């Protein structure tokens, strides 16, 4: 599923409402705009743009506000995008009443990101999902498909 039909909103989804939705319904609600994106998405300017079972895409356009003192985009932008797309990819595989949280993640920066890089795309894909642990990988690429950042995550799965 891709695209955002409704106007973007930011905030949190009440725990009772989250328990009513499967993980895929939840993530698709973020894509469609029927559920609010988290406020860090507003702060950093990224969006959840695609979601299917076991795969989620987050996009952003790096700008001057993302720069570190060296003049490249701070690694925190890519790290947050990867944490989001990988964690949401795990979430998209879960049943109603089941949640997840990041236990750890690792990222490797391959190429610098600058405002001139243009739109960047972080795609998270589930590698393995068990009853208590989910593992996913993520790739941040530019519009030419070049790898900029790679990451992996381990998520804890629990009853919510």
N, C-alpha and C. Protein backbone atom coordinates (compact mmCIF):
# COMPACT_ATOMS: atom_id res chain seq x y z
N UNK A 1 0.85 -1.16 0.00
CA UNK A 1 0.00 0.00 0.00
C UNK A 1 0.90 1.23 0.00
N UNK A 2 0.59 2.20 -0.81
CA UNK A 2 1.37 3.42 -0.89
C UNK A 2 0.44 4.63 -0.90
N UNK A 3 1.03 5.79 -0.60
CA UNK A 3 0.30 7.04 -0.71
C UNK A 3 -0.36 7.47 0.57
N UNK A 4 -0.69 8.74 0.64
CA UNK A 4 -1.31 9.33 1.81
C UNK A 4 -2.54 10.09 1.33
N UNK A 5 -3.72 9.58 1.69
CA UNK A 5 -4.97 10.19 1.24
C UNK A 5 -5.37 11.37 2.12
N UNK A 6 -5.17 11.23 3.42
CA UNK A 6 -5.63 12.26 4.35
C UNK A 6 -4.49 13.23 4.66
N UNK A 7 -4.84 14.34 5.31
CA UNK A 7 -3.85 15.31 5.77
C UNK A 7 -3.02 14.69 6.89
N UNK A 8 -1.74 14.98 6.89
CA UNK A 8 -0.87 14.44 7.93
C UNK A 8 -1.25 15.00 9.29
N UNK A 9 -1.23 14.12 10.27
CA UNK A 9 -1.35 14.54 11.66
C UNK A 9 -0.23 13.87 12.43
N UNK A 10 0.09 14.42 13.58
CA UNK A 10 1.19 13.92 14.39
C UNK A 10 0.73 13.75 15.82
N UNK A 11 1.23 12.72 16.47
CA UNK A 11 0.87 12.47 17.85
C UNK A 11 1.05 11.00 18.18
N UNK A 12 0.20 10.48 19.02
CA UNK A 12 0.26 9.08 19.41
C UNK A 12 -1.10 8.44 19.20
N UNK A 13 -1.10 7.12 19.12
CA UNK A 13 -2.33 6.36 18.99
C UNK A 13 -2.59 5.72 20.35
N UNK A 14 -3.77 5.93 20.88
CA UNK A 14 -4.12 5.38 22.20
C UNK A 14 -3.93 3.87 22.22
N UNK A 15 -3.48 3.36 23.36
CA UNK A 15 -3.20 1.92 23.51
C UNK A 15 -4.43 1.08 23.18
N UNK A 16 -5.62 1.50 23.60
CA UNK A 16 -6.84 0.75 23.30
C UNK A 16 -7.06 0.65 21.80
N UNK A 17 -6.84 1.75 21.10
CA UNK A 17 -7.00 1.76 19.64
C UNK A 17 -5.95 0.86 18.98
N UNK A 18 -4.72 0.90 19.47
CA UNK A 18 -3.66 0.06 18.91
C UNK A 18 -4.02 -1.43 19.03
N UNK A 19 -4.60 -1.82 20.16
CA UNK A 19 -4.95 -3.22 20.38
C UNK A 19 -6.05 -3.70 19.45
N UNK A 20 -6.83 -2.75 18.91
CA UNK A 20 -7.92 -3.10 17.98
C UNK A 20 -7.42 -3.40 16.58
N UNK A 21 -6.18 -3.03 16.27
CA UNK A 21 -5.65 -3.14 14.91
C UNK A 21 -4.57 -4.20 14.82
N UNK A 22 -4.54 -4.90 13.70
CA UNK A 22 -3.37 -5.75 13.44
C UNK A 22 -2.19 -4.82 13.18
N UNK A 23 -0.99 -5.36 13.24
CA UNK A 23 0.18 -4.54 12.97
C UNK A 23 0.15 -3.94 11.57
N UNK A 24 -0.30 -4.72 10.59
CA UNK A 24 -0.36 -4.20 9.22
C UNK A 24 -1.40 -3.10 9.11
N UNK A 25 -2.55 -3.27 9.75
CA UNK A 25 -3.57 -2.21 9.73
C UNK A 25 -3.03 -0.93 10.36
N UNK A 26 -2.27 -1.08 11.44
CA UNK A 26 -1.68 0.07 12.11
C UNK A 26 -0.73 0.81 11.17
N UNK A 27 0.20 0.09 10.58
CA UNK A 27 1.20 0.72 9.71
C UNK A 27 0.53 1.31 8.46
N UNK A 28 -0.44 0.62 7.90
CA UNK A 28 -1.15 1.17 6.75
C UNK A 28 -1.91 2.45 7.13
N UNK A 29 -2.39 2.53 8.36
CA UNK A 29 -3.03 3.75 8.83
C UNK A 29 -2.07 4.93 8.86
N UNK A 30 -0.79 4.66 9.17
CA UNK A 30 0.23 5.72 9.12
C UNK A 30 0.45 6.19 7.69
N UNK A 31 0.50 5.24 6.76
CA UNK A 31 0.69 5.57 5.35
C UNK A 31 -0.48 6.38 4.82
N UNK A 32 -1.69 5.93 5.12
CA UNK A 32 -2.90 6.56 4.59
C UNK A 32 -3.24 7.87 5.28
N UNK A 33 -2.68 8.11 6.46
CA UNK A 33 -2.99 9.33 7.19
C UNK A 33 -4.21 9.22 8.08
N UNK A 34 -4.74 8.00 8.24
CA UNK A 34 -5.88 7.82 9.14
C UNK A 34 -5.43 7.67 10.58
N UNK A 35 -4.13 7.45 10.79
CA UNK A 35 -3.52 7.44 12.12
C UNK A 35 -2.39 8.46 12.12
N UNK A 36 -2.12 9.08 13.27
CA UNK A 36 -1.05 10.10 13.32
C UNK A 36 0.35 9.49 13.25
N UNK A 37 1.23 10.17 12.57
CA UNK A 37 2.66 9.82 12.61
C UNK A 37 3.22 10.30 13.94
N UNK A 38 4.33 9.72 14.37
CA UNK A 38 4.93 10.18 15.63
C UNK A 38 5.52 11.58 15.43
N UNK A 39 5.68 12.29 16.53
CA UNK A 39 6.11 13.68 16.43
C UNK A 39 7.56 13.82 15.99
N UNK A 40 8.39 12.79 16.15
CA UNK A 40 9.75 12.88 15.63
C UNK A 40 9.73 12.91 14.10
N UNK A 41 8.73 12.30 13.49
CA UNK A 41 8.58 12.38 12.03
C UNK A 41 8.33 13.82 11.61
N UNK A 42 7.55 14.54 12.39
CA UNK A 42 7.30 15.95 12.12
C UNK A 42 8.58 16.77 12.32
N UNK A 43 9.28 16.51 13.41
CA UNK A 43 10.51 17.25 13.72
C UNK A 43 11.56 17.07 12.63
N UNK A 44 11.76 15.82 12.19
CA UNK A 44 12.80 15.53 11.20
C UNK A 44 12.31 15.64 9.76
N UNK A 45 11.00 15.66 9.57
CA UNK A 45 10.45 15.82 8.22
C UNK A 45 10.43 14.54 7.39
N UNK A 46 10.17 13.40 8.03
CA UNK A 46 10.05 12.17 7.24
C UNK A 46 8.62 11.66 7.25
N UNK A 47 8.34 10.75 6.33
CA UNK A 47 6.99 10.22 6.17
C UNK A 47 7.05 8.72 5.96
N UNK A 48 6.05 8.01 6.43
CA UNK A 48 5.89 6.58 6.15
C UNK A 48 5.07 6.51 4.86
N UNK A 49 5.67 5.98 3.79
CA UNK A 49 5.05 6.10 2.47
C UNK A 49 4.57 4.79 1.86
N UNK A 50 5.09 3.66 2.33
CA UNK A 50 4.66 2.36 1.80
C UNK A 50 4.63 1.35 2.94
N UNK A 51 3.66 0.43 2.87
CA UNK A 51 3.58 -0.62 3.88
C UNK A 51 2.91 -1.85 3.30
N UNK A 52 3.54 -2.97 3.50
CA UNK A 52 2.95 -4.27 3.22
C UNK A 52 3.48 -5.23 4.27
N UNK A 53 2.97 -6.43 4.31
CA UNK A 53 3.38 -7.38 5.32
C UNK A 53 4.89 -7.62 5.24
N UNK A 54 5.63 -7.22 6.30
CA UNK A 54 7.06 -7.46 6.37
C UNK A 54 7.93 -6.45 5.66
N UNK A 55 7.35 -5.35 5.15
CA UNK A 55 8.13 -4.35 4.41
C UNK A 55 7.50 -2.97 4.58
N UNK A 56 8.35 -1.99 4.97
CA UNK A 56 7.87 -0.61 5.16
C UNK A 56 8.91 0.35 4.60
N UNK A 57 8.43 1.43 3.96
CA UNK A 57 9.31 2.46 3.40
C UNK A 57 9.02 3.80 4.06
N UNK A 58 10.11 4.49 4.44
CA UNK A 58 10.07 5.82 5.02
C UNK A 58 10.91 6.72 4.11
N UNK A 59 10.43 7.94 3.82
CA UNK A 59 11.16 8.84 2.94
C UNK A 59 11.36 10.21 3.59
N UNK A 60 12.41 10.90 3.13
CA UNK A 60 12.67 12.26 3.61
C UNK A 60 13.51 12.98 2.56
N UNK A 61 13.43 14.29 2.60
CA UNK A 61 14.25 15.15 1.76
C UNK A 61 15.22 15.87 2.68
N UNK A 62 16.51 15.47 2.68
CA UNK A 62 17.49 16.14 3.55
C UNK A 62 17.59 17.63 3.23
N UNK A 63 17.63 18.43 4.29
CA UNK A 63 17.68 19.89 4.15
C UNK A 63 18.79 20.45 5.04
N UNK A 64 19.00 21.73 4.93
CA UNK A 64 20.03 22.39 5.74
C UNK A 64 19.81 22.20 7.24
N UNK A 65 18.55 22.07 7.68
CA UNK A 65 18.28 21.88 9.11
C UNK A 65 18.82 20.55 9.64
N UNK A 66 19.16 19.61 8.75
CA UNK A 66 19.66 18.30 9.14
C UNK A 66 21.18 18.24 9.21
N UNK A 67 21.87 19.34 8.91
CA UNK A 67 23.33 19.32 8.80
C UNK A 67 24.03 19.24 10.16
N UNK A 68 25.15 18.54 10.18
CA UNK A 68 26.03 18.54 11.33
C UNK A 68 27.08 19.63 11.14
N UNK A 69 27.96 19.88 12.10
CA UNK A 69 28.95 20.95 11.94
C UNK A 69 29.90 20.76 10.75
N UNK A 70 30.06 19.53 10.28
CA UNK A 70 30.95 19.26 9.14
C UNK A 70 30.29 19.55 7.80
N UNK A 71 28.97 19.85 7.83
CA UNK A 71 28.28 20.21 6.59
C UNK A 71 27.61 19.06 5.86
N UNK A 72 27.60 17.86 6.48
CA UNK A 72 26.84 16.75 5.92
C UNK A 72 25.62 16.51 6.82
N UNK A 73 24.68 15.72 6.32
CA UNK A 73 23.48 15.44 7.09
C UNK A 73 23.87 14.59 8.31
N UNK A 74 23.41 15.00 9.47
CA UNK A 74 23.68 14.29 10.72
C UNK A 74 23.17 12.85 10.60
N UNK A 75 23.97 11.91 11.10
CA UNK A 75 23.61 10.50 11.02
C UNK A 75 22.32 10.16 11.74
N UNK A 76 21.89 11.02 12.65
CA UNK A 76 20.65 10.76 13.37
C UNK A 76 19.42 10.72 12.48
N UNK A 77 19.45 11.44 11.35
CA UNK A 77 18.30 11.40 10.43
C UNK A 77 18.17 9.99 9.86
N UNK A 78 19.25 9.46 9.29
CA UNK A 78 19.20 8.12 8.71
C UNK A 78 18.93 7.07 9.79
N UNK A 79 19.54 7.24 10.97
CA UNK A 79 19.34 6.28 12.06
C UNK A 79 17.87 6.23 12.48
N UNK A 80 17.24 7.38 12.59
CA UNK A 80 15.83 7.43 12.99
C UNK A 80 14.95 6.84 11.91
N UNK A 81 15.25 7.16 10.65
CA UNK A 81 14.48 6.59 9.55
C UNK A 81 14.60 5.07 9.52
N UNK A 82 15.83 4.55 9.75
CA UNK A 82 16.02 3.10 9.76
C UNK A 82 15.32 2.46 10.95
N UNK A 83 15.43 3.06 12.13
CA UNK A 83 14.75 2.52 13.31
C UNK A 83 13.25 2.43 13.04
N UNK A 84 12.71 3.46 12.39
CA UNK A 84 11.28 3.49 12.10
C UNK A 84 10.89 2.44 11.06
N UNK A 85 11.58 2.40 9.92
CA UNK A 85 11.15 1.47 8.86
C UNK A 85 11.37 0.02 9.27
N UNK A 86 12.47 -0.27 9.97
CA UNK A 86 12.71 -1.65 10.39
C UNK A 86 11.73 -2.08 11.48
N UNK A 87 11.52 -1.21 12.48
CA UNK A 87 10.57 -1.53 13.54
C UNK A 87 9.15 -1.68 13.03
N UNK A 88 8.76 -0.80 12.11
CA UNK A 88 7.42 -0.88 11.54
C UNK A 88 7.27 -2.10 10.63
N UNK A 89 8.36 -2.53 9.99
CA UNK A 89 8.30 -3.76 9.19
C UNK A 89 7.97 -4.95 10.10
N UNK A 90 8.62 -5.01 11.27
CA UNK A 90 8.29 -6.06 12.24
C UNK A 90 6.84 -5.90 12.69
N UNK A 91 6.44 -4.68 13.04
CA UNK A 91 5.07 -4.41 13.49
C UNK A 91 4.04 -4.89 12.46
N UNK A 92 4.34 -4.72 11.18
CA UNK A 92 3.39 -5.07 10.13
C UNK A 92 3.08 -6.56 10.07
N UNK A 93 3.87 -7.39 10.76
CA UNK A 93 3.64 -8.83 10.75
C UNK A 93 2.86 -9.32 11.97
N UNK A 94 2.51 -8.42 12.88
CA UNK A 94 1.93 -8.83 14.16
C UNK A 94 0.41 -8.84 14.14
N UNK A 95 -0.16 -9.71 14.97
CA UNK A 95 -1.61 -9.81 15.13
C UNK A 95 -2.12 -8.73 16.07
N UNK A 96 -3.44 -8.58 16.14
CA UNK A 96 -4.06 -7.65 17.08
C UNK A 96 -3.61 -7.99 18.49
N UNK A 97 -3.36 -6.94 19.29
CA UNK A 97 -3.00 -7.14 20.69
C UNK A 97 -1.55 -7.50 20.93
N UNK A 98 -0.74 -7.48 19.86
CA UNK A 98 0.68 -7.80 19.98
C UNK A 98 1.47 -6.56 19.59
N UNK A 99 2.49 -6.22 20.38
CA UNK A 99 3.32 -5.06 20.10
C UNK A 99 4.78 -5.46 19.98
N UNK A 100 5.60 -4.47 19.68
CA UNK A 100 7.04 -4.73 19.60
C UNK A 100 7.79 -3.46 19.95
N UNK A 101 9.06 -3.64 20.31
CA UNK A 101 9.93 -2.51 20.58
C UNK A 101 11.36 -2.88 20.20
N UNK A 102 12.14 -1.89 19.84
CA UNK A 102 13.52 -2.13 19.46
C UNK A 102 14.35 -2.52 20.68
N UNK A 103 15.04 -3.64 20.57
CA UNK A 103 16.01 -4.05 21.60
C UNK A 103 17.38 -3.47 21.28
N UNK A 104 17.77 -3.54 20.01
CA UNK A 104 19.05 -2.99 19.59
C UNK A 104 19.01 -2.79 18.09
N UNK A 105 19.85 -1.87 17.60
CA UNK A 105 20.05 -1.77 16.16
C UNK A 105 21.46 -1.29 15.87
N UNK A 106 21.91 -1.65 14.68
CA UNK A 106 23.26 -1.32 14.24
C UNK A 106 23.15 -0.71 12.85
N UNK A 107 23.93 0.34 12.61
CA UNK A 107 23.93 0.93 11.27
C UNK A 107 25.36 1.17 10.81
N UNK A 108 25.51 1.13 9.50
CA UNK A 108 26.79 1.41 8.85
C UNK A 108 26.56 2.49 7.80
N UNK A 109 27.33 3.56 7.91
CA UNK A 109 27.23 4.67 6.96
C UNK A 109 28.16 4.38 5.79
N UNK A 110 27.62 4.34 4.58
CA UNK A 110 28.37 3.96 3.39
C UNK A 110 28.78 5.18 2.58
N UNK A 111 27.86 6.15 2.42
CA UNK A 111 28.12 7.37 1.66
C UNK A 111 27.56 8.56 2.44
N UNK A 112 28.16 9.73 2.29
CA UNK A 112 27.61 10.92 2.96
C UNK A 112 26.28 11.32 2.34
N UNK A 113 25.44 11.91 3.17
CA UNK A 113 24.16 12.47 2.71
C UNK A 113 24.26 13.97 2.87
N UNK A 114 23.83 14.71 1.85
CA UNK A 114 23.80 16.17 1.88
C UNK A 114 22.44 16.62 1.36
N UNK A 115 22.09 17.89 1.49
CA UNK A 115 20.84 18.36 0.89
C UNK A 115 20.81 18.12 -0.62
N UNK A 116 21.99 18.09 -1.26
CA UNK A 116 22.05 17.86 -2.71
C UNK A 116 21.73 16.40 -3.07
N UNK A 117 21.77 15.51 -2.09
CA UNK A 117 21.44 14.10 -2.34
C UNK A 117 20.01 13.96 -2.84
N UNK A 118 19.13 14.86 -2.40
CA UNK A 118 17.72 14.77 -2.77
C UNK A 118 17.00 13.74 -1.92
N UNK A 119 15.83 13.34 -2.37
CA UNK A 119 14.98 12.42 -1.61
C UNK A 119 15.73 11.14 -1.27
N UNK A 120 15.65 10.76 0.00
CA UNK A 120 16.23 9.49 0.43
C UNK A 120 15.10 8.56 0.87
N UNK A 121 15.35 7.27 0.70
CA UNK A 121 14.33 6.25 0.93
C UNK A 121 14.91 5.18 1.85
N UNK A 122 14.27 4.96 2.99
CA UNK A 122 14.68 3.91 3.93
C UNK A 122 13.66 2.78 3.84
N UNK A 123 14.13 1.61 3.43
CA UNK A 123 13.25 0.46 3.28
C UNK A 123 13.63 -0.60 4.30
N UNK A 124 12.67 -0.98 5.13
CA UNK A 124 12.88 -2.01 6.13
C UNK A 124 12.19 -3.30 5.71
N UNK A 125 12.89 -4.41 5.87
CA UNK A 125 12.37 -5.72 5.48
C UNK A 125 12.63 -6.72 6.59
N UNK A 126 11.63 -7.50 6.93
CA UNK A 126 11.77 -8.52 7.96
C UNK A 126 12.63 -9.66 7.43
N UNK A 127 13.62 -10.05 8.22
CA UNK A 127 14.47 -11.20 7.90
C UNK A 127 13.92 -12.45 8.57
N UNK A 128 13.51 -12.30 9.85
CA UNK A 128 12.95 -13.42 10.61
C UNK A 128 12.04 -12.86 11.69
N UNK A 129 10.88 -13.52 11.86
CA UNK A 129 9.97 -13.10 12.92
C UNK A 129 9.52 -14.33 13.67
N UNK A 130 9.94 -14.41 14.92
CA UNK A 130 9.52 -15.50 15.78
C UNK A 130 8.42 -15.04 16.72
N UNK A 131 8.19 -15.84 17.74
CA UNK A 131 7.13 -15.51 18.71
C UNK A 131 7.55 -14.36 19.63
N UNK A 132 8.85 -14.27 19.99
CA UNK A 132 9.32 -13.24 20.93
C UNK A 132 10.33 -12.26 20.35
N UNK A 133 10.96 -12.62 19.24
CA UNK A 133 12.01 -11.79 18.65
C UNK A 133 11.78 -11.64 17.15
N UNK A 134 11.96 -10.42 16.66
CA UNK A 134 11.92 -10.16 15.22
C UNK A 134 13.22 -9.51 14.79
N UNK A 135 13.70 -9.88 13.61
CA UNK A 135 14.93 -9.31 13.06
C UNK A 135 14.61 -8.73 11.69
N UNK A 136 15.10 -7.50 11.46
CA UNK A 136 14.85 -6.85 10.18
C UNK A 136 16.13 -6.16 9.73
N UNK A 137 16.19 -5.86 8.44
CA UNK A 137 17.29 -5.07 7.91
C UNK A 137 16.70 -3.87 7.21
N UNK A 138 17.52 -2.83 7.07
CA UNK A 138 17.07 -1.62 6.39
C UNK A 138 18.17 -1.06 5.51
N UNK A 139 17.74 -0.40 4.45
CA UNK A 139 18.67 0.21 3.50
C UNK A 139 18.17 1.62 3.19
N UNK A 140 19.05 2.60 3.34
CA UNK A 140 18.74 3.96 2.91
C UNK A 140 19.44 4.15 1.57
N UNK A 141 18.66 4.54 0.57
CA UNK A 141 19.19 4.73 -0.78
C UNK A 141 18.80 6.11 -1.31
N UNK A 142 19.54 6.56 -2.32
CA UNK A 142 19.19 7.82 -2.99
C UNK A 142 18.32 7.52 -4.20
N UNK A 143 17.99 8.55 -4.97
CA UNK A 143 17.09 8.39 -6.12
C UNK A 143 17.69 7.52 -7.22
N UNK A 144 19.01 7.34 -7.21
CA UNK A 144 19.67 6.47 -8.19
C UNK A 144 19.81 5.04 -7.69
N UNK A 145 19.29 4.78 -6.49
CA UNK A 145 19.37 3.44 -5.92
C UNK A 145 20.68 3.12 -5.24
N UNK A 146 21.55 4.12 -5.08
CA UNK A 146 22.84 3.89 -4.42
C UNK A 146 22.63 3.73 -2.91
N UNK A 147 23.32 2.77 -2.33
CA UNK A 147 23.25 2.53 -0.89
C UNK A 147 23.98 3.65 -0.15
N UNK A 148 23.29 4.27 0.79
CA UNK A 148 23.86 5.33 1.62
C UNK A 148 24.15 4.83 3.04
N UNK A 149 23.19 4.08 3.59
CA UNK A 149 23.29 3.58 4.97
C UNK A 149 22.61 2.21 5.01
N UNK A 150 23.17 1.30 5.80
CA UNK A 150 22.59 -0.03 5.98
C UNK A 150 22.43 -0.28 7.47
N UNK A 151 21.38 -1.00 7.84
CA UNK A 151 21.18 -1.30 9.25
C UNK A 151 20.48 -2.62 9.49
N UNK A 152 20.58 -3.09 10.72
CA UNK A 152 19.83 -4.26 11.17
C UNK A 152 19.25 -3.95 12.55
N UNK A 153 18.18 -4.63 12.88
CA UNK A 153 17.56 -4.44 14.19
C UNK A 153 17.08 -5.76 14.75
N UNK A 154 17.00 -5.81 16.07
CA UNK A 154 16.37 -6.90 16.80
C UNK A 154 15.26 -6.27 17.64
N UNK A 155 14.06 -6.79 17.50
CA UNK A 155 12.90 -6.25 18.23
C UNK A 155 12.31 -7.32 19.14
N UNK A 156 11.88 -6.88 20.32
CA UNK A 156 11.16 -7.73 21.26
C UNK A 156 9.68 -7.68 20.91
N UNK A 157 9.04 -8.84 20.85
CA UNK A 157 7.61 -8.95 20.55
C UNK A 157 6.89 -9.35 21.84
N UNK A 158 5.78 -8.68 22.15
CA UNK A 158 5.09 -8.90 23.42
C UNK A 158 3.59 -8.64 23.28
N UNK A 159 2.82 -9.15 24.24
CA UNK A 159 1.39 -8.85 24.28
C UNK A 159 1.23 -7.43 24.78
N UNK A 160 0.40 -6.65 24.08
CA UNK A 160 0.24 -5.24 24.48
C UNK A 160 -0.97 -5.04 25.34
